[in-house]
N, C-alpha and C. Protein backbone atom coordinates (compact mmCIF):
# COMPACT_ATOMS: atom_id res chain seq x y z
N UNK A 1 58.61 115.58 51.61
CA UNK A 1 58.47 114.16 51.30
C UNK A 1 57.00 113.79 51.47
N UNK A 2 56.38 113.24 50.45
CA UNK A 2 54.98 112.88 50.51
C UNK A 2 54.76 111.44 50.11
N UNK A 3 53.56 110.98 50.31
CA UNK A 3 53.23 109.59 49.98
C UNK A 3 52.50 109.48 48.65
N UNK A 4 52.09 110.62 48.08
CA UNK A 4 51.29 110.65 46.85
C UNK A 4 49.95 109.95 47.03
N UNK A 5 49.52 109.75 48.27
CA UNK A 5 48.23 109.12 48.54
C UNK A 5 47.14 110.17 48.43
N UNK A 6 46.00 109.77 47.91
CA UNK A 6 44.86 110.68 47.82
C UNK A 6 44.28 110.90 49.21
N UNK A 7 43.89 112.14 49.47
CA UNK A 7 43.28 112.47 50.76
C UNK A 7 42.02 113.28 50.49
N UNK A 8 40.92 112.84 51.07
CA UNK A 8 39.68 113.58 50.98
C UNK A 8 39.36 114.09 52.36
N UNK A 9 39.40 115.40 52.52
CA UNK A 9 39.16 116.00 53.83
C UNK A 9 37.77 116.59 53.89
N UNK A 10 37.54 117.34 54.94
CA UNK A 10 36.26 117.99 55.16
C UNK A 10 36.51 119.49 55.23
N UNK A 11 35.71 120.26 54.50
CA UNK A 11 35.83 121.71 54.58
C UNK A 11 35.15 122.18 55.86
N UNK A 12 35.78 123.13 56.52
CA UNK A 12 35.26 123.67 57.77
C UNK A 12 35.04 125.15 57.59
N UNK A 13 33.89 125.63 58.02
CA UNK A 13 33.61 127.07 58.02
C UNK A 13 34.37 127.65 59.21
N UNK A 14 35.53 128.26 58.94
CA UNK A 14 36.39 128.73 60.02
C UNK A 14 35.79 129.90 60.80
N UNK A 15 34.71 130.48 60.29
CA UNK A 15 34.06 131.54 61.06
C UNK A 15 33.31 130.96 62.25
N UNK A 16 33.15 129.65 62.28
CA UNK A 16 32.41 129.00 63.37
C UNK A 16 33.28 128.11 64.25
N UNK A 17 34.58 128.25 64.15
CA UNK A 17 35.47 127.42 64.97
C UNK A 17 36.55 128.27 65.62
N UNK A 18 37.18 127.70 66.62
CA UNK A 18 38.38 128.32 67.17
C UNK A 18 39.34 127.21 67.56
N UNK A 19 40.60 127.53 67.56
CA UNK A 19 41.62 126.61 68.04
C UNK A 19 41.69 126.78 69.55
N UNK A 20 41.78 125.68 70.27
CA UNK A 20 41.86 125.76 71.73
C UNK A 20 43.17 125.12 72.17
N UNK A 21 43.97 125.92 72.83
CA UNK A 21 45.26 125.45 73.32
C UNK A 21 45.10 124.98 74.76
N UNK A 22 45.58 123.78 75.03
CA UNK A 22 45.60 123.27 76.40
C UNK A 22 46.89 123.81 77.04
N UNK A 23 46.73 124.65 78.05
CA UNK A 23 47.88 125.30 78.68
C UNK A 23 48.90 124.25 79.11
N UNK A 24 50.13 124.46 78.79
CA UNK A 24 51.28 123.61 79.08
C UNK A 24 51.32 122.33 78.26
N UNK A 25 50.43 122.19 77.26
CA UNK A 25 50.48 120.97 76.46
C UNK A 25 50.28 121.25 74.98
N UNK A 26 49.47 122.22 74.64
CA UNK A 26 49.04 122.34 73.26
C UNK A 26 49.62 123.45 72.44
N UNK A 27 50.54 124.23 72.98
CA UNK A 27 51.03 125.37 72.21
C UNK A 27 51.82 124.97 70.97
N UNK A 28 52.51 123.87 70.98
CA UNK A 28 53.26 123.48 69.79
C UNK A 28 52.30 123.07 68.66
N UNK A 29 51.23 122.39 68.97
CA UNK A 29 50.25 122.04 67.95
C UNK A 29 49.48 123.28 67.51
N UNK A 30 49.27 124.22 68.40
CA UNK A 30 48.57 125.45 68.07
C UNK A 30 49.32 126.21 66.97
N UNK A 31 50.64 126.22 67.04
CA UNK A 31 51.44 126.89 66.01
C UNK A 31 51.16 126.29 64.63
N UNK A 32 51.00 124.99 64.54
CA UNK A 32 50.71 124.34 63.26
C UNK A 32 49.31 124.71 62.77
N UNK A 33 48.35 124.77 63.68
CA UNK A 33 46.99 125.16 63.31
C UNK A 33 46.99 126.60 62.81
N UNK A 34 47.69 127.48 63.51
CA UNK A 34 47.74 128.90 63.10
C UNK A 34 48.45 129.05 61.76
N UNK A 35 49.40 128.18 61.45
CA UNK A 35 50.07 128.23 60.15
C UNK A 35 49.08 127.90 59.03
N UNK A 36 48.16 126.99 59.30
CA UNK A 36 47.15 126.61 58.30
C UNK A 36 46.05 127.64 58.18
N UNK A 37 45.61 128.18 59.30
CA UNK A 37 44.52 129.16 59.35
C UNK A 37 44.93 130.32 60.24
N UNK A 38 45.72 131.27 59.72
CA UNK A 38 46.25 132.35 60.56
C UNK A 38 45.19 133.21 61.23
N UNK A 39 44.03 133.34 60.64
CA UNK A 39 43.01 134.20 61.22
C UNK A 39 42.08 133.52 62.21
N UNK A 40 42.31 132.24 62.47
CA UNK A 40 41.42 131.50 63.37
C UNK A 40 41.54 132.02 64.80
N UNK A 41 40.41 132.31 65.45
CA UNK A 41 40.48 132.73 66.86
C UNK A 41 41.05 131.61 67.74
N UNK A 42 41.63 132.01 68.86
CA UNK A 42 42.28 131.04 69.75
C UNK A 42 41.71 131.16 71.16
N UNK A 43 41.45 130.02 71.79
CA UNK A 43 41.04 129.97 73.18
C UNK A 43 42.08 129.21 73.98
N UNK A 44 41.96 129.26 75.28
CA UNK A 44 42.88 128.54 76.18
C UNK A 44 42.08 127.82 77.25
N UNK A 45 42.51 126.61 77.58
CA UNK A 45 41.94 125.89 78.71
C UNK A 45 43.08 125.31 79.55
N UNK A 46 42.80 125.12 80.82
CA UNK A 46 43.75 124.48 81.72
C UNK A 46 43.02 123.36 82.43
N UNK A 47 43.48 122.15 82.23
CA UNK A 47 42.91 120.97 82.88
C UNK A 47 44.02 120.33 83.70
N UNK A 48 43.73 120.09 84.97
CA UNK A 48 44.70 119.44 85.85
C UNK A 48 43.99 118.41 86.70
N UNK A 49 44.78 117.51 87.27
CA UNK A 49 44.20 116.56 88.22
C UNK A 49 43.76 117.30 89.46
N UNK A 50 42.62 116.90 89.99
CA UNK A 50 42.12 117.47 91.23
C UNK A 50 42.75 116.69 92.37
N UNK A 51 43.82 117.23 92.91
CA UNK A 51 44.58 116.53 93.96
C UNK A 51 43.81 116.44 95.27
N UNK A 52 42.69 117.17 95.39
CA UNK A 52 41.93 117.14 96.64
C UNK A 52 40.99 115.94 96.73
N UNK A 53 40.90 115.14 95.66
CA UNK A 53 40.03 113.97 95.67
C UNK A 53 40.88 112.70 95.57
N UNK A 54 40.40 111.60 96.13
CA UNK A 54 41.18 110.35 96.07
C UNK A 54 41.36 109.85 94.63
N UNK A 55 40.37 110.10 93.75
CA UNK A 55 40.45 109.61 92.37
C UNK A 55 41.37 110.46 91.50
N UNK A 56 41.65 111.68 91.95
CA UNK A 56 42.49 112.62 91.21
C UNK A 56 42.00 112.78 89.77
N UNK A 57 40.69 112.99 89.65
CA UNK A 57 40.06 113.13 88.34
C UNK A 57 40.43 114.47 87.70
N UNK A 58 40.39 114.53 86.37
CA UNK A 58 40.69 115.81 85.72
C UNK A 58 39.64 116.86 86.06
N UNK A 59 40.09 118.09 86.20
CA UNK A 59 39.20 119.18 86.54
C UNK A 59 39.57 120.39 85.67
N UNK A 60 38.54 121.03 85.14
CA UNK A 60 38.75 122.23 84.33
C UNK A 60 38.99 123.40 85.28
N UNK A 61 40.19 123.96 85.24
CA UNK A 61 40.54 125.07 86.11
C UNK A 61 40.41 126.42 85.43
N UNK A 62 40.51 126.44 84.11
CA UNK A 62 40.48 127.72 83.39
C UNK A 62 39.94 127.47 81.99
N UNK A 63 39.06 128.35 81.52
CA UNK A 63 38.53 128.25 80.17
C UNK A 63 38.26 129.66 79.66
N UNK A 64 38.95 130.04 78.62
CA UNK A 64 38.75 131.34 78.00
C UNK A 64 38.60 131.11 76.50
N UNK A 65 37.36 131.23 76.02
CA UNK A 65 37.08 131.06 74.60
C UNK A 65 36.75 132.41 74.00
N UNK A 66 37.00 132.58 72.70
CA UNK A 66 36.63 133.83 72.04
C UNK A 66 35.12 134.04 72.11
N UNK A 67 34.66 135.28 72.07
CA UNK A 67 33.23 135.56 72.17
C UNK A 67 32.42 134.92 71.04
N UNK A 68 33.07 134.61 69.93
CA UNK A 68 32.35 133.98 68.81
C UNK A 68 32.00 132.53 69.10
N UNK A 69 32.57 131.96 70.14
CA UNK A 69 32.31 130.56 70.49
C UNK A 69 31.70 130.54 71.88
N UNK A 70 30.42 130.84 71.95
CA UNK A 70 29.78 130.93 73.26
C UNK A 70 29.27 129.58 73.75
N UNK A 71 28.88 128.70 72.83
CA UNK A 71 28.36 127.39 73.21
C UNK A 71 28.99 126.32 72.33
N UNK A 72 30.13 125.77 72.76
CA UNK A 72 30.79 124.76 71.93
C UNK A 72 29.90 123.54 71.72
N UNK A 73 29.85 123.06 70.49
CA UNK A 73 29.05 121.88 70.18
C UNK A 73 29.92 120.70 69.77
N UNK A 74 31.15 120.97 69.35
CA UNK A 74 31.97 119.88 68.87
C UNK A 74 33.40 120.10 69.32
N UNK A 75 34.01 119.05 69.78
CA UNK A 75 35.41 119.10 70.17
C UNK A 75 36.14 117.95 69.53
N UNK A 76 37.25 118.24 68.90
CA UNK A 76 38.12 117.21 68.38
C UNK A 76 39.27 117.09 69.37
N UNK A 77 39.27 116.03 70.18
CA UNK A 77 40.28 115.96 71.25
C UNK A 77 41.69 115.85 70.70
N UNK A 78 42.50 116.76 71.12
CA UNK A 78 43.92 116.79 70.78
C UNK A 78 44.52 117.84 71.69
N UNK A 79 45.82 117.98 71.67
CA UNK A 79 46.43 118.99 72.50
C UNK A 79 46.02 120.39 72.07
N UNK A 80 45.76 120.58 70.81
CA UNK A 80 45.22 121.84 70.33
C UNK A 80 43.90 121.53 69.65
N UNK A 81 42.86 121.39 70.41
CA UNK A 81 41.57 120.93 69.88
C UNK A 81 40.86 122.02 69.11
N UNK A 82 39.96 121.64 68.26
CA UNK A 82 39.11 122.58 67.55
C UNK A 82 37.72 122.46 68.13
N UNK A 83 37.15 123.56 68.52
CA UNK A 83 35.81 123.58 69.10
C UNK A 83 34.92 124.36 68.16
N UNK A 84 33.79 123.79 67.77
CA UNK A 84 32.86 124.49 66.88
C UNK A 84 31.64 124.94 67.64
N UNK A 85 30.97 125.94 67.09
CA UNK A 85 29.74 126.40 67.74
C UNK A 85 28.54 126.00 66.94
């Protein structure tokens, strides 16, 4: 079922991006990304509240990106974000 609405997207050089799955949140969206771009490299991150602080701010506990993405420059925030180099 479609809307027949015109859509103008942006082409992405997939050799410079990877899909990043947020552990325990983003795997369902990751499946959709992999369906669109099966060869896209995948990374994983784990962000949790830091219970040791009164503010309970988010803290990055784990980050594993493919070697092709050594210095991320762009992040599209979502449960399965895309990070470009």
